[in-house]
Amino acid sequence: MAPPLRREDVAHVARLARLTLSEAELDMFTEQLGQVLEHANDMSALALDDVVATAHPFGLTNVVREDVVTASLERARVLEMAPDAQDGRFAVPQIMGDAP
């Protein structure tokens, strides 16, 4: 059995993650994380060698609808509302420079 989670351990991990926790939060997270680790220990003690791995407990069926053409917005109208348009397309700022 793993040793119980100490408050100092939670404070250390919070410091590594650059989190500032109040004293009340340290107490709360120490208790909550301790419960999570205790549950993980309980799970690891189960004999699951004969259990078949599954991605989902139930068979899934993809529900699709008919692909029906419907009216949509006109390109010119949409481009009128865009902050910047160029050559019939949305113009967006370049985010990457030229390759060296």
PDB file of N, CA and C in Angstrom:
ATOM      1  N   MET A   1       0.847  -1.180   0.000  1.00  0.00           N
ATOM      2  CA  MET A   1       0.000   0.000   0.000  1.00  0.00           C
ATOM      3  C   MET A   1       0.889   1.239   0.000  1.00  0.00           C
ATOM      4  N   ALA A   2       0.518   2.225  -0.803  1.00  0.00           N
ATOM      5  CA  ALA A   2       1.295   3.458  -0.908  1.00  0.00           C
ATOM      6  C   ALA A   2       1.088   4.310   0.338  1.00  0.00           C
ATOM      7  N   PRO A   3       2.118   5.061   0.721  1.00  0.00           N
ATOM      8  CA  PRO A   3       1.946   5.935   1.879  1.00  0.00           C
ATOM      9  C   PRO A   3       0.905   7.007   1.581  1.00  0.00           C
ATOM     10  N   PRO A   4       0.228   7.499   2.619  1.00  0.00           N
ATOM     11  CA  PRO A   4      -0.797   8.516   2.377  1.00  0.00           C
ATOM     12  C   PRO A   4      -0.172   9.793   1.801  1.00  0.00           C
ATOM     13  N   LEU A   5      -0.955  10.511   1.036  1.00  0.00           N
ATOM     14  CA  LEU A   5      -0.494  11.754   0.431  1.00  0.00           C
ATOM     15  C   LEU A   5      -0.311  12.804   1.514  1.00  0.00           C
ATOM     16  N   ARG A   6       0.843  13.458   1.500  1.00  0.00           N
ATOM     17  CA  ARG A   6       1.121  14.484   2.506  1.00  0.00           C
ATOM     18  C   ARG A   6       0.840  15.865   1.935  1.00  0.00           C
ATOM     19  N   ARG A   7       0.489  16.759   2.805  1.00  0.00           N
ATOM     20  CA  ARG A   7       0.222  18.146   2.437  1.00  0.00           C
ATOM     21  C   ARG A   7       1.452  18.766   1.760  1.00  0.00           C
ATOM     22  N   GLU A   8       2.622  18.413   2.230  1.00  0.00           N
ATOM     23  CA  GLU A   8       3.869  18.939   1.668  1.00  0.00           C
ATOM     24  C   GLU A   8       4.050  18.488   0.218  1.00  0.00           C
ATOM     25  N   ASP A   9       3.597  17.261  -0.081  1.00  0.00           N
ATOM     26  CA  ASP A   9       3.690  16.762  -1.459  1.00  0.00           C
ATOM     27  C   ASP A   9       2.815  17.598  -2.402  1.00  0.00           C
ATOM     28  N   VAL A  10       1.614  17.907  -1.955  1.00  0.00           N
ATOM     29  CA  VAL A  10       0.695  18.707  -2.767  1.00  0.00           C
ATOM     30  C   VAL A  10       1.261  20.114  -2.952  1.00  0.00           C
ATOM     31  N   ALA A  11       1.818  20.684  -1.890  1.00  0.00           N
ATOM     32  CA  ALA A  11       2.414  22.018  -1.979  1.00  0.00           C
ATOM     33  C   ALA A  11       3.594  22.005  -2.952  1.00  0.00           C
ATOM     34  N   HIS A  12       4.382  20.941  -2.921  1.00  0.00           N
ATOM     35  CA  HIS A  12       5.534  20.829  -3.818  1.00  0.00           C
ATOM     36  C   HIS A  12       5.088  20.743  -5.280  1.00  0.00           C
ATOM     37  N   VAL A  13       4.095  19.917  -5.557  1.00  0.00           N
ATOM     38  CA  VAL A  13       3.586  19.782  -6.927  1.00  0.00           C
ATOM     39  C   VAL A  13       2.963  21.100  -7.390  1.00  0.00           C
ATOM     40  N   ALA A  14       2.242  21.776  -6.512  1.00  0.00           N
ATOM     41  CA  ALA A  14       1.651  23.067  -6.865  1.00  0.00           C
ATOM     42  C   ALA A  14       2.749  24.072  -7.195  1.00  0.00           C
ATOM     43  N   ARG A  15       3.820  24.052  -6.440  1.00  0.00           N
ATOM     44  CA  ARG A  15       4.941  24.959  -6.698  1.00  0.00           C
ATOM     45  C   ARG A  15       5.582  24.644  -8.049  1.00  0.00           C
ATOM     46  N   LEU A  16       5.747  23.351  -8.361  1.00  0.00           N
ATOM     47  CA  LEU A  16       6.309  22.956  -9.661  1.00  0.00           C
ATOM     48  C   LEU A  16       5.411  23.406 -10.812  1.00  0.00           C
ATOM     49  N   ALA A  17       4.105  23.367 -10.587  1.00  0.00           N
ATOM     50  CA  ALA A  17       3.145  23.774 -11.614  1.00  0.00           C
ATOM     51  C   ALA A  17       2.917  25.282 -11.605  1.00  0.00           C
ATOM     52  N   ARG A  18       3.646  25.976 -10.751  1.00  0.00           N
ATOM     53  CA  ARG A  18       3.546  27.432 -10.604  1.00  0.00           C
ATOM     54  C   ARG A  18       2.131  27.864 -10.225  1.00  0.00           C
ATOM     55  N   LEU A  19       1.537  27.103  -9.307  1.00  0.00           N
ATOM     56  CA  LEU A  19       0.215  27.423  -8.787  1.00  0.00           C
ATOM     57  C   LEU A  19       0.359  27.983  -7.381  1.00  0.00           C
ATOM     58  N   THR A  20      -0.375  29.009  -7.092  1.00  0.00           N
ATOM     59  CA  THR A  20      -0.407  29.560  -5.743  1.00  0.00           C
ATOM     60  C   THR A  20      -1.694  29.088  -5.086  1.00  0.00           C
ATOM     61  N   LEU A  21      -1.548  28.303  -4.033  1.00  0.00           N
ATOM     62  CA  LEU A  21      -2.712  27.758  -3.339  1.00  0.00           C
ATOM     63  C   LEU A  21      -2.792  28.343  -1.939  1.00  0.00           C
ATOM     64  N   SER A  22      -4.017  28.635  -1.510  1.00  0.00           N
ATOM     65  CA  SER A  22      -4.218  29.095  -0.134  1.00  0.00           C
ATOM     66  C   SER A  22      -4.111  27.889   0.799  1.00  0.00           C
ATOM     67  N   GLU A  23      -4.066  28.158   2.084  1.00  0.00           N
ATOM     68  CA  GLU A  23      -3.994  27.071   3.068  1.00  0.00           C
ATOM     69  C   GLU A  23      -5.228  26.173   2.961  1.00  0.00           C
ATOM     70  N   ALA A  24      -6.388  26.787   2.768  1.00  0.00           N
ATOM     71  CA  ALA A  24      -7.635  26.009   2.643  1.00  0.00           C
ATOM     72  C   ALA A  24      -7.603  25.142   1.393  1.00  0.00           C
ATOM     73  N   GLU A  25      -7.082  25.689   0.282  1.00  0.00           N
ATOM     74  CA  GLU A  25      -6.984  24.916  -0.954  1.00  0.00           C
ATOM     75  C   GLU A  25      -6.002  23.761  -0.801  1.00  0.00           C
ATOM     76  N   LEU A  26      -4.903  23.997  -0.118  1.00  0.00           N
ATOM     77  CA  LEU A  26      -3.941  22.913   0.128  1.00  0.00           C
ATOM     78  C   LEU A  26      -4.598  21.771   0.890  1.00  0.00           C
ATOM     79  N   ASP A  27      -5.351  22.118   1.923  1.00  0.00           N
ATOM     80  CA  ASP A  27      -6.044  21.085   2.704  1.00  0.00           C
ATOM     81  C   ASP A  27      -7.053  20.334   1.843  1.00  0.00           C
ATOM     82  N   MET A  28      -7.842  21.094   1.075  1.00  0.00           N
ATOM     83  CA  MET A  28      -8.884  20.486   0.241  1.00  0.00           C
ATOM     84  C   MET A  28      -8.268  19.578  -0.825  1.00  0.00           C
ATOM     85  N   PHE A  29      -7.229  20.069  -1.532  1.00  0.00           N
ATOM     86  CA  PHE A  29      -6.624  19.280  -2.591  1.00  0.00           C
ATOM     87  C   PHE A  29      -5.865  18.079  -2.039  1.00  0.00           C
ATOM     88  N   THR A  30      -5.286  18.211  -0.871  1.00  0.00           N
ATOM     89  CA  THR A  30      -4.604  17.067  -0.258  1.00  0.00           C
ATOM     90  C   THR A  30      -5.610  15.948  -0.004  1.00  0.00           C
ATOM     91  N   GLU A  31      -6.755  16.313   0.518  1.00  0.00           N
ATOM     92  CA  GLU A  31      -7.795  15.311   0.782  1.00  0.00           C
ATOM     93  C   GLU A  31      -8.325  14.713  -0.523  1.00  0.00           C
ATOM     94  N   GLN A  32      -8.637  15.569  -1.502  1.00  0.00           N
ATOM     95  CA  GLN A  32      -9.203  15.089  -2.755  1.00  0.00           C
ATOM     96  C   GLN A  32      -8.212  14.220  -3.530  1.00  0.00           C
ATOM     97  N   LEU A  33      -6.969  14.662  -3.642  1.00  0.00           N
ATOM     98  CA  LEU A  33      -5.974  13.865  -4.359  1.00  0.00           C
ATOM     99  C   LEU A  33      -5.674  12.572  -3.630  1.00  0.00           C
ATOM    100  N   GLY A  34      -5.706  12.612  -2.312  1.00  0.00           N
ATOM    101  CA  GLY A  34      -5.520  11.386  -1.535  1.00  0.00           C
ATOM    102  C   GLY A  34      -6.606  10.368  -1.847  1.00  0.00           C
ATOM    103  N   GLN A  35      -7.843  10.843  -1.982  1.00  0.00           N
ATOM    104  CA  GLN A  35      -8.955   9.947  -2.317  1.00  0.00           C
ATOM    105  C   GLN A  35      -8.786   9.371  -3.720  1.00  0.00           C
ATOM    106  N   VAL A  36      -8.318  10.190  -4.647  1.00  0.00           N
ATOM    107  CA  VAL A  36      -8.097   9.712  -6.019  1.00  0.00           C
ATOM    108  C   VAL A  36      -7.027   8.624  -6.017  1.00  0.00           C
ATOM    109  N   LEU A  37      -5.920   8.871  -5.322  1.00  0.00           N
ATOM    110  CA  LEU A  37      -4.839   7.881  -5.271  1.00  0.00           C
ATOM    111  C   LEU A  37      -5.274   6.607  -4.550  1.00  0.00           C
ATOM    112  N   GLU A  38      -6.083   6.755  -3.516  1.00  0.00           N
ATOM    113  CA  GLU A  38      -6.605   5.578  -2.811  1.00  0.00           C
ATOM    114  C   GLU A  38      -7.495   4.756  -3.741  1.00  0.00           C
ATOM    115  N   HIS A  39      -8.311   5.426  -4.541  1.00  0.00           N
ATOM    116  CA  HIS A  39      -9.176   4.718  -5.493  1.00  0.00           C
ATOM    117  C   HIS A  39      -8.322   4.008  -6.552  1.00  0.00           C
ATOM    118  N   ALA A  40      -7.254   4.662  -7.017  1.00  0.00           N
ATOM    119  CA  ALA A  40      -6.362   4.029  -7.988  1.00  0.00           C
ATOM    120  C   ALA A  40      -5.726   2.784  -7.395  1.00  0.00           C
ATOM    121  N   ASN A  41      -5.350   2.829  -6.127  1.00  0.00           N
ATOM    122  CA  ASN A  41      -4.804   1.641  -5.457  1.00  0.00           C
ATOM    123  C   ASN A  41      -5.841   0.528  -5.400  1.00  0.00           C
ATOM    124  N   ASP A  42      -7.085   0.892  -5.102  1.00  0.00           N
ATOM    125  CA  ASP A  42      -8.164  -0.105  -5.070  1.00  0.00           C
ATOM    126  C   ASP A  42      -8.338  -0.749  -6.438  1.00  0.00           C
ATOM    127  N   MET A  43      -8.268   0.055  -7.487  1.00  0.00           N
ATOM    128  CA  MET A  43      -8.439  -0.467  -8.846  1.00  0.00           C
ATOM    129  C   MET A  43      -7.289  -1.398  -9.223  1.00  0.00           C
ATOM    130  N   SER A  44      -6.083  -1.050  -8.833  1.00  0.00           N
ATOM    131  CA  SER A  44      -4.937  -1.887  -9.197  1.00  0.00           C
ATOM    132  C   SER A  44      -4.960  -3.222  -8.460  1.00  0.00           C
ATOM    133  N   ALA A  45      -5.705  -3.310  -7.382  1.00  0.00           N
ATOM    134  CA  ALA A  45      -5.788  -4.557  -6.623  1.00  0.00           C
ATOM    135  C   ALA A  45      -6.793  -5.537  -7.232  1.00  0.00           C
ATOM    136  N   LEU A  46      -7.608  -5.093  -8.175  1.00  0.00           N
ATOM    137  CA  LEU A  46      -8.612  -5.962  -8.787  1.00  0.00           C
ATOM    138  C   LEU A  46      -7.961  -6.967  -9.733  1.00  0.00           C
ATOM    139  N   ALA A  47      -8.526  -8.158  -9.788  1.00  0.00           N
ATOM    140  CA  ALA A  47      -8.044  -9.189 -10.706  1.00  0.00           C
ATOM    141  C   ALA A  47      -8.762  -9.007 -12.039  1.00  0.00           C
ATOM    142  N   LEU A  48      -8.084  -8.382 -12.989  1.00  0.00           N
ATOM    143  CA  LEU A  48      -8.709  -8.066 -14.266  1.00  0.00           C
ATOM    144  C   LEU A  48      -8.062  -8.793 -15.433  1.00  0.00           C
ATOM    145  N   ASP A  49      -7.323  -9.846 -15.146  1.00  0.00           N
ATOM    146  CA  ASP A  49      -6.610 -10.562 -16.202  1.00  0.00           C
ATOM    147  C   ASP A  49      -7.547 -11.149 -17.257  1.00  0.00           C
ATOM    148  N   ASP A  50      -8.732 -11.591 -16.863  1.00  0.00           N
ATOM    149  CA  ASP A  50      -9.659 -12.230 -17.791  1.00  0.00           C
ATOM    150  C   ASP A  50     -10.675 -11.259 -18.384  1.00  0.00           C
ATOM    151  N   VAL A  51     -10.545  -9.983 -18.088  1.00  0.00           N
ATOM    152  CA  VAL A  51     -11.498  -8.992 -18.592  1.00  0.00           C
ATOM    153  C   VAL A  51     -11.018  -8.494 -19.950  1.00  0.00           C
ATOM    154  N   VAL A  52     -11.898  -8.566 -20.933  1.00  0.00           N
ATOM    155  CA  VAL A  52     -11.567  -8.136 -22.286  1.00  0.00           C
ATOM    156  C   VAL A  52     -11.629  -6.608 -22.353  1.00  0.00           C
ATOM    157  N   ALA A  53     -10.613  -6.017 -22.935  1.00  0.00           N
ATOM    158  CA  ALA A  53     -10.588  -4.564 -23.079  1.00  0.00           C
ATOM    159  C   ALA A  53     -11.634  -4.113 -24.080  1.00  0.00           C
ATOM    160  N   THR A  54     -12.304  -3.028 -23.780  1.00  0.00           N
ATOM    161  CA  THR A  54     -13.302  -2.471 -24.686  1.00  0.00           C
ATOM    162  C   THR A  54     -13.118  -0.966 -24.784  1.00  0.00           C
ATOM    163  N   ALA A  55     -13.489  -0.413 -25.915  1.00  0.00           N
ATOM    164  CA  ALA A  55     -13.432   1.036 -26.078  1.00  0.00           C
ATOM    165  C   ALA A  55     -14.717   1.668 -25.562  1.00  0.00           C
ATOM    166  N   HIS A  56     -15.804   0.910 -25.622  1.00  0.00           N
ATOM    167  CA  HIS A  56     -17.098   1.426 -25.172  1.00  0.00           C
ATOM    168  C   HIS A  56     -17.946   0.237 -24.741  1.00  0.00           C
ATOM    169  N   PRO A  57     -18.709   0.367 -23.652  1.00  0.00           N
ATOM    170  CA  PRO A  57     -19.474  -0.784 -23.170  1.00  0.00           C
ATOM    171  C   PRO A  57     -20.664  -1.168 -24.045  1.00  0.00           C
ATOM    172  N   PHE A  58     -21.118  -0.260 -24.885  1.00  0.00           N
ATOM    173  CA  PHE A  58     -22.279  -0.532 -25.727  1.00  0.00           C
ATOM    174  C   PHE A  58     -21.897  -0.386 -27.202  1.00  0.00           C
ATOM    175  N   GLY A  59     -22.571  -1.142 -28.058  1.00  0.00           N
ATOM    176  CA  GLY A  59     -22.345  -0.975 -29.485  1.00  0.00           C
ATOM    177  C   GLY A  59     -22.845   0.395 -29.930  1.00  0.00           C
ATOM    178  N   LEU A  60     -22.045   1.100 -30.696  1.00  0.00           N
ATOM    179  CA  LEU A  60     -22.433   2.437 -31.133  1.00  0.00           C
ATOM    180  C   LEU A  60     -22.919   2.405 -32.570  1.00  0.00           C
ATOM    181  N   THR A  61     -23.936   3.190 -32.849  1.00  0.00           N
ATOM    182  CA  THR A  61     -24.462   3.321 -34.193  1.00  0.00           C
ATOM    183  C   THR A  61     -24.379   4.789 -34.577  1.00  0.00           C
ATOM    184  N   ASN A  62     -23.782   5.058 -35.714  1.00  0.00           N
ATOM    185  CA  ASN A  62     -23.677   6.428 -36.166  1.00  0.00           C
ATOM    186  C   ASN A  62     -25.018   6.864 -36.736  1.00  0.00           C
ATOM    187  N   VAL A  63     -25.569   7.923 -36.214  1.00  0.00           N
ATOM    188  CA  VAL A  63     -26.848   8.440 -36.680  1.00  0.00           C
ATOM    189  C   VAL A  63     -26.565   9.571 -37.648  1.00  0.00           C
ATOM    190  N   VAL A  64     -27.000   9.399 -38.877  1.00  0.00           N
ATOM    191  CA  VAL A  64     -26.774  10.423 -39.890  1.00  0.00           C
ATOM    192  C   VAL A  64     -28.101  10.816 -40.517  1.00  0.00           C
ATOM    193  N   ARG A  65     -28.104  11.980 -41.101  1.00  0.00           N
ATOM    194  CA  ARG A  65     -29.321  12.443 -41.780  1.00  0.00           C
ATOM    195  C   ARG A  65     -29.050  12.507 -43.267  1.00  0.00           C
ATOM    196  N   GLU A  66     -30.104  12.647 -44.023  1.00  0.00           N
ATOM    197  CA  GLU A  66     -29.979  12.815 -45.464  1.00  0.00           C
ATOM    198  C   GLU A  66     -29.193  14.087 -45.741  1.00  0.00           C
ATOM    199  N   ASP A  67     -28.361  14.047 -46.747  1.00  0.00           N
ATOM    200  CA  ASP A  67     -27.620  15.228 -47.167  1.00  0.00           C
ATOM    201  C   ASP A  67     -28.486  15.984 -48.160  1.00  0.00           C
ATOM    202  N   VAL A  68     -29.110  17.056 -47.672  1.00  0.00           N
ATOM    203  CA  VAL A  68     -30.056  17.815 -48.473  1.00  0.00           C
ATOM    204  C   VAL A  68     -29.483  19.206 -48.722  1.00  0.00           C
ATOM    205  N   VAL A  69     -29.501  19.622 -49.980  1.00  0.00           N
ATOM    206  CA  VAL A  69     -29.026  20.954 -50.332  1.00  0.00           C
ATOM    207  C   VAL A  69     -30.076  21.965 -49.901  1.00  0.00           C
ATOM    208  N   THR A  70     -29.632  22.982 -49.149  1.00  0.00           N
ATOM    209  CA  THR A  70     -30.545  24.045 -48.721  1.00  0.00           C
ATOM    210  C   THR A  70     -29.916  25.390 -49.051  1.00  0.00           C
ATOM    211  N   ALA A  71     -30.714  26.419 -48.987  1.00  0.00           N
ATOM    212  CA  ALA A  71     -30.220  27.765 -49.264  1.00  0.00           C
ATOM    213  C   ALA A  71     -29.212  28.165 -48.194  1.00  0.00           C
ATOM    214  N   SER A  72     -28.189  28.898 -48.631  1.00  0.00           N
ATOM    215  CA  SER A  72     -27.200  29.379 -47.675  1.00  0.00           C
ATOM    216  C   SER A  72     -26.928  30.850 -47.953  1.00  0.00           C
ATOM    217  N   LEU A  73     -25.984  31.412 -47.238  1.00  0.00           N
ATOM    218  CA  LEU A  73     -25.664  32.822 -47.413  1.00  0.00           C
ATOM    219  C   LEU A  73     -24.953  33.052 -48.739  1.00  0.00           C
ATOM    220  N   GLU A  74     -25.174  34.219 -49.319  1.00  0.00           N
ATOM    221  CA  GLU A  74     -24.502  34.573 -50.563  1.00  0.00           C
ATOM    222  C   GLU A  74     -23.077  35.023 -50.250  1.00  0.00           C
ATOM    223  N   ARG A  75     -22.134  34.580 -51.067  1.00  0.00           N
ATOM    224  CA  ARG A  75     -20.718  34.889 -50.846  1.00  0.00           C
ATOM    225  C   ARG A  75     -20.498  36.409 -50.767  1.00  0.00           C
ATOM    226  N   ALA A  76     -21.069  37.168 -51.706  1.00  0.00           N
ATOM    227  CA  ALA A  76     -20.847  38.615 -51.719  1.00  0.00           C
ATOM    228  C   ALA A  76     -21.349  39.265 -50.435  1.00  0.00           C
ATOM    229  N   ARG A  77     -22.492  38.818 -49.947  1.00  0.00           N
ATOM    230  CA  ARG A  77     -23.075  39.380 -48.711  1.00  0.00           C
ATOM    231  C   ARG A  77     -22.174  39.080 -47.514  1.00  0.00           C
ATOM    232  N   VAL A  78     -21.677  37.875 -47.441  1.00  0.00           N
ATOM    233  CA  VAL A  78     -20.810  37.498 -46.325  1.00  0.00           C
ATOM    234  C   VAL A  78     -19.506  38.284 -46.374  1.00  0.00           C
ATOM    235  N   LEU A  79     -18.928  38.419 -47.563  1.00  0.00           N
ATOM    236  CA  LEU A  79     -17.672  39.153 -47.695  1.00  0.00           C
ATOM    237  C   LEU A  79     -17.847  40.636 -47.393  1.00  0.00           C
ATOM    238  N   GLU A  80     -19.054  41.171 -47.620  1.00  0.00           N
ATOM    239  CA  GLU A  80     -19.332  42.564 -47.254  1.00  0.00           C
ATOM    240  C   GLU A  80     -19.199  42.768 -45.755  1.00  0.00           C
ATOM    241  N   MET A  81     -19.564  41.751 -44.978  1.00  0.00           N
ATOM    242  CA  MET A  81     -19.538  41.857 -43.515  1.00  0.00           C
ATOM    243  C   MET A  81     -18.159  41.554 -42.933  1.00  0.00           C
ATOM    244  N   ALA A  82     -17.260  41.019 -43.735  1.00  0.00           N
ATOM    245  CA  ALA A  82     -15.926  40.658 -43.243  1.00  0.00           C
ATOM    246  C   ALA A  82     -15.097  41.913 -42.989  1.00  0.00           C
ATOM    247  N   PRO A  83     -14.231  41.880 -41.972  1.00  0.00           N
ATOM    248  CA  PRO A  83     -13.365  43.033 -41.711  1.00  0.00           C
ATOM    249  C   PRO A  83     -12.439  43.336 -42.877  1.00  0.00           C
ATOM    250  N   ASP A  84     -12.004  42.288 -43.591  1.00  0.00           N
ATOM    251  CA  ASP A  84     -11.111  42.486 -44.727  1.00  0.00           C
ATOM    252  C   ASP A  84     -11.322  41.332 -45.711  1.00  0.00           C
ATOM    253  N   ALA A  85     -11.511  41.679 -46.972  1.00  0.00           N
ATOM    254  CA  ALA A  85     -11.684  40.661 -48.009  1.00  0.00           C
ATOM    255  C   ALA A  85     -10.773  41.016 -49.171  1.00  0.00           C
ATOM    256  N   GLN A  86     -10.340  39.983 -49.871  1.00  0.00           N
ATOM    257  CA  GLN A  86      -9.418  40.189 -50.980  1.00  0.00           C
ATOM    258  C   GLN A  86      -9.646  39.090 -52.010  1.00  0.00           C
ATOM    259  N   ASP A  87      -9.854  39.440 -53.247  1.00  0.00           N
ATOM    260  CA  ASP A  87     -10.054  38.484 -54.334  1.00  0.00           C
ATOM    261  C   ASP A  87     -11.170  37.479 -54.045  1.00  0.00           C
ATOM    262  N   GLY A  88     -12.262  37.945 -53.446  1.00  0.00           N
ATOM    263  CA  GLY A  88     -13.396  37.069 -53.177  1.00  0.00           C
ATOM    264  C   GLY A  88     -13.190  36.111 -52.018  1.00  0.00           C
ATOM    265  N   ARG A  89     -12.216  36.397 -51.142  1.00  0.00           N
ATOM    266  CA  ARG A  89     -11.932  35.531 -49.991  1.00  0.00           C
ATOM    267  C   ARG A  89     -11.733  36.396 -48.752  1.00  0.00           C
ATOM    268  N   PHE A  90     -11.825  35.773 -47.580  1.00  0.00           N
ATOM    269  CA  PHE A  90     -11.487  36.467 -46.347  1.00  0.00           C
ATOM    270  C   PHE A  90      -9.993  36.731 -46.331  1.00  0.00           C
ATOM    271  N   ALA A  91      -9.590  37.916 -45.938  1.00  0.00           N
ATOM    272  CA  ALA A  91      -8.170  38.232 -45.794  1.00  0.00           C
ATOM    273  C   ALA A  91      -7.839  38.153 -44.307  1.00  0.00           C
ATOM    274  N   VAL A  92      -6.830  37.389 -43.971  1.00  0.00           N
ATOM    275  CA  VAL A  92      -6.425  37.233 -42.566  1.00  0.00           C
ATOM    276  C   VAL A  92      -4.960  37.623 -42.429  1.00  0.00           C
ATOM    277  N   PRO A  93      -4.564  38.110 -41.255  1.00  0.00           N
ATOM    278  CA  PRO A  93      -3.167  38.491 -41.074  1.00  0.00           C
ATOM    279  C   PRO A  93      -2.248  37.281 -41.154  1.00  0.00           C
ATOM    280  N   GLN A  94      -1.074  37.492 -41.716  1.00  0.00           N
ATOM    281  CA  GLN A  94      -0.087  36.416 -41.788  1.00  0.00           C
ATOM    282  C   GLN A  94       0.437  36.166 -40.381  1.00  0.00           C
ATOM    283  N   ILE A  95       0.528  34.889 -39.997  1.00  0.00           N
ATOM    284  CA  ILE A  95       0.999  34.575 -38.652  1.00  0.00           C
ATOM    285  C   ILE A  95       2.378  33.938 -38.656  1.00  0.00           C
ATOM    286  N   MET A  96       2.833  33.509 -39.791  1.00  0.00           N
ATOM    287  CA  MET A  96       4.158  32.907 -39.870  1.00  0.00           C
ATOM    288  C   MET A  96       4.951  33.623 -40.946  1.00  0.00           C
ATOM    289  N   GLY A  97       6.227  33.789 -40.692  1.00  0.00           N
ATOM    290  CA  GLY A  97       7.093  34.454 -41.652  1.00  0.00           C
ATOM    291  C   GLY A  97       7.501  33.527 -42.765  1.00  0.00           C
ATOM    292  N   ASP A  98       8.280  34.064 -43.670  1.00  0.00           N
ATOM    293  CA  ASP A  98       8.799  33.254 -44.759  1.00  0.00           C
ATOM    294  C   ASP A  98       9.789  32.238 -44.230  1.00  0.00           C
ATOM    295  N   ALA A  99       9.853  31.094 -44.856  1.00  0.00           N
ATOM    296  CA  ALA A  99      10.799  30.049 -44.442  1.00  0.00           C
ATOM    297  C   ALA A  99      12.225  30.515 -44.743  1.00  0.00           C
ATOM    298  N   PRO A 100      13.178  30.228 -43.860  1.00  0.00           N
ATOM    299  CA  PRO A 100      14.550  30.649 -44.100  1.00  0.00           C
ATOM    300  C   PRO A 100      15.196  29.920 -45.258  1.00  0.00           C
TER     301      PRO A 100
END
